[in-house]
Amino acid sequence: MFAYELQQARHADLLREADAQRLANFARAARKARRSLVRRSGGHASEGRVNTDHGRYTTAA
């Protein structure tokens, strides 16, 4: 009987973990969709955002 109760508890734990993972995936997909929408619309600017990351490329020798 004890083994059955352990199996039931493990099953319940796995269901909770699956629900948490599903919720995390849903939130991740929603964030990704929002970022994609903001990028396409340009955020607040009418023509899009300009990349101001000057340290991205090194200067040539």
PDB file of N, CA and C in Angstrom:
ATOM      1  N   MET A   1       0.821  -1.197   0.000  1.00  0.00           N
ATOM      2  CA  MET A   1       0.000   0.000   0.000  1.00  0.00           C
ATOM      3  C   MET A   1       0.868   1.266   0.000  1.00  0.00           C
ATOM      4  N   PHE A   2       1.999   1.197   0.714  1.00  0.00           N
ATOM      5  CA  PHE A   2       2.877   2.362   0.791  1.00  0.00           C
ATOM      6  C   PHE A   2       3.435   2.742  -0.579  1.00  0.00           C
ATOM      7  N   ALA A   3       3.785   1.738  -1.390  1.00  0.00           N
ATOM      8  CA  ALA A   3       4.317   1.994  -2.729  1.00  0.00           C
ATOM      9  C   ALA A   3       3.267   2.700  -3.590  1.00  0.00           C
ATOM     10  N   TYR A   4       2.018   2.303  -3.461  1.00  0.00           N
ATOM     11  CA  TYR A   4       0.944   2.932  -4.219  1.00  0.00           C
ATOM     12  C   TYR A   4       0.789   4.403  -3.824  1.00  0.00           C
ATOM     13  N   GLU A   5       0.873   4.689  -2.533  1.00  0.00           N
ATOM     14  CA  GLU A   5       0.762   6.075  -2.071  1.00  0.00           C
ATOM     15  C   GLU A   5       1.934   6.912  -2.551  1.00  0.00           C
ATOM     16  N   LEU A   6       3.134   6.333  -2.558  1.00  0.00           N
ATOM     17  CA  LEU A   6       4.291   7.044  -3.095  1.00  0.00           C
ATOM     18  C   LEU A   6       4.103   7.344  -4.579  1.00  0.00           C
ATOM     19  N   GLN A   7       3.582   6.367  -5.307  1.00  0.00           N
ATOM     20  CA  GLN A   7       3.351   6.565  -6.742  1.00  0.00           C
ATOM     21  C   GLN A   7       2.319   7.654  -6.975  1.00  0.00           C
ATOM     22  N   GLN A   8       1.275   7.691  -6.179  1.00  0.00           N
ATOM     23  CA  GLN A   8       0.239   8.720  -6.314  1.00  0.00           C
ATOM     24  C   GLN A   8       0.818  10.108  -6.001  1.00  0.00           C
ATOM     25  N   ALA A   9       1.657  10.198  -4.977  1.00  0.00           N
ATOM     26  CA  ALA A   9       2.269  11.483  -4.628  1.00  0.00           C
ATOM     27  C   ALA A   9       3.194  11.938  -5.742  1.00  0.00           C
ATOM     28  N   ARG A  10       3.974  11.014  -6.297  1.00  0.00           N
ATOM     29  CA  ARG A  10       4.885  11.359  -7.399  1.00  0.00           C
ATOM     30  C   ARG A  10       4.090  11.804  -8.629  1.00  0.00           C
ATOM     31  N   HIS A  11       3.012  11.115  -8.882  1.00  0.00           N
ATOM     32  CA  HIS A  11       2.154  11.482 -10.014  1.00  0.00           C
ATOM     33  C   HIS A  11       1.617  12.905  -9.838  1.00  0.00           C
ATOM     34  N   ALA A  12       1.175  13.237  -8.641  1.00  0.00           N
ATOM     35  CA  ALA A  12       0.668  14.582  -8.369  1.00  0.00           C
ATOM     36  C   ALA A  12       1.780  15.621  -8.528  1.00  0.00           C
ATOM     37  N   ASP A  13       2.997  15.285  -8.071  1.00  0.00           N
ATOM     38  CA  ASP A  13       4.137  16.198  -8.244  1.00  0.00           C
ATOM     39  C   ASP A  13       4.434  16.433  -9.718  1.00  0.00           C
ATOM     40  N   LEU A  14       4.411  15.374 -10.499  1.00  0.00           N
ATOM     41  CA  LEU A  14       4.681  15.505 -11.931  1.00  0.00           C
ATOM     42  C   LEU A  14       3.622  16.359 -12.626  1.00  0.00           C
ATOM     43  N   LEU A  15       2.377  16.209 -12.222  1.00  0.00           N
ATOM     44  CA  LEU A  15       1.307  17.029 -12.798  1.00  0.00           C
ATOM     45  C   LEU A  15       1.515  18.511 -12.459  1.00  0.00           C
ATOM     46  N   ARG A  16       1.911  18.799 -11.206  1.00  0.00           N
ATOM     47  CA  ARG A  16       2.179  20.185 -10.815  1.00  0.00           C
ATOM     48  C   ARG A  16       3.353  20.761 -11.596  1.00  0.00           C
ATOM     49  N   GLU A  17       4.409  19.954 -11.770  1.00  0.00           N
ATOM     50  CA  GLU A  17       5.566  20.415 -12.540  1.00  0.00           C
ATOM     51  C   GLU A  17       5.191  20.678 -13.996  1.00  0.00           C
ATOM     52  N   ALA A  18       4.376  19.814 -14.566  1.00  0.00           N
ATOM     53  CA  ALA A  18       3.950  19.988 -15.956  1.00  0.00           C
ATOM     54  C   ALA A  18       3.110  21.257 -16.100  1.00  0.00           C
ATOM     55  N   ASP A  19       2.243  21.522 -15.149  1.00  0.00           N
ATOM     56  CA  ASP A  19       1.436  22.739 -15.194  1.00  0.00           C
ATOM     57  C   ASP A  19       2.317  23.985 -15.080  1.00  0.00           C
ATOM     58  N   ALA A  20       3.304  23.930 -14.199  1.00  0.00           N
ATOM     59  CA  ALA A  20       4.210  25.069 -14.038  1.00  0.00           C
ATOM     60  C   ALA A  20       5.015  25.293 -15.314  1.00  0.00           C
ATOM     61  N   GLN A  21       5.481  24.210 -15.928  1.00  0.00           N
ATOM     62  CA  GLN A  21       6.251  24.333 -17.169  1.00  0.00           C
ATOM     63  C   GLN A  21       5.376  24.886 -18.295  1.00  0.00           C
ATOM     64  N   ARG A  22       4.142  24.422 -18.360  1.00  0.00           N
ATOM     65  CA  ARG A  22       3.214  24.899 -19.391  1.00  0.00           C
ATOM     66  C   ARG A  22       2.959  26.394 -19.226  1.00  0.00           C
ATOM     67  N   LEU A  23       2.778  26.837 -17.992  1.00  0.00           N
ATOM     68  CA  LEU A  23       2.560  28.253 -17.725  1.00  0.00           C
ATOM     69  C   LEU A  23       3.797  29.073 -18.086  1.00  0.00           C
ATOM     70  N   ALA A  24       4.977  28.559 -17.762  1.00  0.00           N
ATOM     71  CA  ALA A  24       6.217  29.255 -18.105  1.00  0.00           C
ATOM     72  C   ALA A  24       6.380  29.358 -19.622  1.00  0.00           C
ATOM     73  N   ASN A  25       6.073  28.296 -20.335  1.00  0.00           N
ATOM     74  CA  ASN A  25       6.161  28.325 -21.803  1.00  0.00           C
ATOM     75  C   ASN A  25       5.168  29.319 -22.389  1.00  0.00           C
ATOM     76  N   PHE A  26       3.986  29.375 -21.805  1.00  0.00           N
ATOM     77  CA  PHE A  26       2.974  30.320 -22.285  1.00  0.00           C
ATOM     78  C   PHE A  26       3.442  31.762 -22.071  1.00  0.00           C
ATOM     79  N   ALA A  27       4.018  32.034 -20.900  1.00  0.00           N
ATOM     80  CA  ALA A  27       4.524  33.381 -20.611  1.00  0.00           C
ATOM     81  C   ALA A  27       5.681  33.724 -21.536  1.00  0.00           C
ATOM     82  N   ARG A  28       6.578  32.756 -21.784  1.00  0.00           N
ATOM     83  CA  ARG A  28       7.710  32.988 -22.676  1.00  0.00           C
ATOM     84  C   ARG A  28       7.224  33.301 -24.098  1.00  0.00           C
ATOM     85  N   ALA A  29       6.241  32.557 -24.572  1.00  0.00           N
ATOM     86  CA  ALA A  29       5.698  32.787 -25.911  1.00  0.00           C
ATOM     87  C   ALA A  29       5.010  34.149 -25.987  1.00  0.00           C
ATOM     88  N   ALA A  30       4.322  34.543 -24.935  1.00  0.00           N
ATOM     89  CA  ALA A  30       3.651  35.842 -24.917  1.00  0.00           C
ATOM     90  C   ALA A  30       4.680  36.973 -24.954  1.00  0.00           C
ATOM     91  N   ARG A  31       5.768  36.836 -24.185  1.00  0.00           N
ATOM     92  CA  ARG A  31       6.831  37.847 -24.206  1.00  0.00           C
ATOM     93  C   ARG A  31       7.465  37.940 -25.583  1.00  0.00           C
ATOM     94  N   LYS A  32       7.699  36.775 -26.190  1.00  0.00           N
ATOM     95  CA  LYS A  32       8.315  36.749 -27.525  1.00  0.00           C
ATOM     96  C   LYS A  32       7.397  37.412 -28.557  1.00  0.00           C
ATOM     97  N   ALA A  33       6.112  37.132 -28.471  1.00  0.00           N
ATOM     98  CA  ALA A  33       5.159  37.733 -29.406  1.00  0.00           C
ATOM     99  C   ALA A  33       5.082  39.245 -29.203  1.00  0.00           C
ATOM    100  N   ARG A  34       5.134  39.680 -27.949  1.00  0.00           N
ATOM    101  CA  ARG A  34       5.081  41.114 -27.675  1.00  0.00           C
ATOM    102  C   ARG A  34       6.323  41.818 -28.211  1.00  0.00           C
ATOM    103  N   ARG A  35       7.513  41.206 -27.980  1.00  0.00           N
ATOM    104  CA  ARG A  35       8.742  41.800 -28.515  1.00  0.00           C
ATOM    105  C   ARG A  35       8.692  41.877 -30.031  1.00  0.00           C
ATOM    106  N   SER A  36       8.181  40.830 -30.653  1.00  0.00           N
ATOM    107  CA  SER A  36       8.081  40.805 -32.112  1.00  0.00           C
ATOM    108  C   SER A  36       7.145  41.906 -32.599  1.00  0.00           C
ATOM    109  N   LEU A  37       6.035  42.090 -31.899  1.00  0.00           N
ATOM    110  CA  LEU A  37       5.076  43.122 -32.283  1.00  0.00           C
ATOM    111  C   LEU A  37       5.688  44.510 -32.123  1.00  0.00           C
ATOM    112  N   VAL A  38       6.413  44.725 -31.031  1.00  0.00           N
ATOM    113  CA  VAL A  38       7.035  46.031 -30.794  1.00  0.00           C
ATOM    114  C   VAL A  38       8.095  46.308 -31.848  1.00  0.00           C
ATOM    115  N   ARG A  39       8.871  45.283 -32.198  1.00  0.00           N
ATOM    116  CA  ARG A  39       9.908  45.474 -33.221  1.00  0.00           C
ATOM    117  C   ARG A  39       9.289  45.822 -34.572  1.00  0.00           C
ATOM    118  N   ARG A  40       8.222  45.121 -34.926  1.00  0.00           N
ATOM    119  CA  ARG A  40       7.584  45.390 -36.218  1.00  0.00           C
ATOM    120  C   ARG A  40       6.962  46.778 -36.253  1.00  0.00           C
ATOM    121  N   SER A  41       6.366  47.184 -35.163  1.00  0.00           N
ATOM    122  CA  SER A  41       5.700  48.478 -35.148  1.00  0.00           C
ATOM    123  C   SER A  41       6.685  49.602 -34.873  1.00  0.00           C
ATOM    124  N   GLY A  42       7.900  49.248 -34.468  1.00  0.00           N
ATOM    125  CA  GLY A  42       8.899  50.264 -34.191  1.00  0.00           C
ATOM    126  C   GLY A  42       8.798  50.842 -32.804  1.00  0.00           C
ATOM    127  N   GLY A  43       8.047  50.228 -31.949  1.00  0.00           N
ATOM    128  CA  GLY A  43       7.909  50.733 -30.590  1.00  0.00           C
ATOM    129  C   GLY A  43       7.164  52.051 -30.593  1.00  0.00           C
ATOM    130  N   HIS A  44       7.779  53.097 -30.055  1.00  0.00           N
ATOM    131  CA  HIS A  44       7.134  54.407 -30.004  1.00  0.00           C
ATOM    132  C   HIS A  44       7.469  55.252 -31.230  1.00  0.00           C
ATOM    133  N   ALA A  45       8.529  54.930 -31.927  1.00  0.00           N
ATOM    134  CA  ALA A  45       8.918  55.716 -33.096  1.00  0.00           C
ATOM    135  C   ALA A  45       8.124  55.256 -34.316  1.00  0.00           C
ATOM    136  N   SER A  46       7.960  56.148 -35.252  1.00  0.00           N
ATOM    137  CA  SER A  46       7.175  55.814 -36.430  1.00  0.00           C
ATOM    138  C   SER A  46       7.990  55.014 -37.441  1.00  0.00           C
ATOM    139  N   GLU A  47       9.318  55.142 -37.426  1.00  0.00           N
ATOM    140  CA  GLU A  47      10.133  54.440 -38.409  1.00  0.00           C
ATOM    141  C   GLU A  47      11.005  53.358 -37.788  1.00  0.00           C
ATOM    142  N   GLY A  48      10.821  53.019 -36.548  1.00  0.00           N
ATOM    143  CA  GLY A  48      11.586  51.950 -35.930  1.00  0.00           C
ATOM    144  C   GLY A  48      12.710  52.468 -35.067  1.00  0.00           C
ATOM    145  N   ARG A  49      13.294  51.562 -34.352  1.00  0.00           N
ATOM    146  CA  ARG A  49      14.339  51.910 -33.412  1.00  0.00           C
ATOM    147  C   ARG A  49      15.708  51.799 -34.077  1.00  0.00           C
ATOM    148  N   VAL A  50      16.598  52.701 -33.748  1.00  0.00           N
ATOM    149  CA  VAL A  50      17.946  52.685 -34.292  1.00  0.00           C
ATOM    150  C   VAL A  50      18.858  51.996 -33.291  1.00  0.00           C
ATOM    151  N   ASN A  51      19.719  51.117 -33.786  1.00  0.00           N
ATOM    152  CA  ASN A  51      20.650  50.425 -32.916  1.00  0.00           C
ATOM    153  C   ASN A  51      21.773  51.385 -32.531  1.00  0.00           C
ATOM    154  N   THR A  52      21.921  51.633 -31.246  1.00  0.00           N
ATOM    155  CA  THR A  52      22.952  52.556 -30.774  1.00  0.00           C
ATOM    156  C   THR A  52      24.059  51.822 -30.030  1.00  0.00           C
ATOM    157  N   ASP A  53      24.205  50.535 -30.262  1.00  0.00           N
ATOM    158  CA  ASP A  53      25.226  49.744 -29.596  1.00  0.00           C
ATOM    159  C   ASP A  53      26.538  49.902 -30.354  1.00  0.00           C
ATOM    160  N   HIS A  54      27.319  50.918 -29.975  1.00  0.00           N
ATOM    161  CA  HIS A  54      28.562  51.216 -30.695  1.00  0.00           C
ATOM    162  C   HIS A  54      29.678  50.236 -30.359  1.00  0.00           C
ATOM    163  N   GLY A  55      29.586  49.538 -29.259  1.00  0.00           N
ATOM    164  CA  GLY A  55      30.614  48.601 -28.883  1.00  0.00           C
ATOM    165  C   GLY A  55      30.440  47.223 -29.489  1.00  0.00           C
ATOM    166  N   ARG A  56      29.519  47.106 -30.393  1.00  0.00           N
ATOM    167  CA  ARG A  56      29.227  45.799 -30.971  1.00  0.00           C
ATOM    168  C   ARG A  56      30.335  45.325 -31.915  1.00  0.00           C
ATOM    169  N   TYR A  57      30.914  46.230 -32.667  1.00  0.00           N
ATOM    170  CA  TYR A  57      31.968  45.877 -33.598  1.00  0.00           C
ATOM    171  C   TYR A  57      33.273  46.533 -33.174  1.00  0.00           C
ATOM    172  N   THR A  58      34.368  45.855 -33.399  1.00  0.00           N
ATOM    173  CA  THR A  58      35.665  46.437 -33.077  1.00  0.00           C
ATOM    174  C   THR A  58      36.164  47.249 -34.249  1.00  0.00           C
ATOM    175  N   THR A  59      37.038  48.173 -33.971  1.00  0.00           N
ATOM    176  CA  THR A  59      37.599  48.983 -35.056  1.00  0.00           C
ATOM    177  C   THR A  59      38.666  48.196 -35.791  1.00  0.00           C
ATOM    178  N   ALA A  60      38.768  48.426 -37.076  1.00  0.00           N
ATOM    179  CA  ALA A  60      39.754  47.715 -37.897  1.00  0.00           C
ATOM    180  C   ALA A  60      41.145  48.271 -37.624  1.00  0.00           C
ATOM    181  N   ALA A  61      42.130  47.407 -37.746  1.00  0.00           N
ATOM    182  CA  ALA A  61      43.518  47.829 -37.504  1.00  0.00           C
ATOM    183  C   ALA A  61      44.085  48.561 -38.695  1.00  0.00           C
TER     184      ALA A  61
END
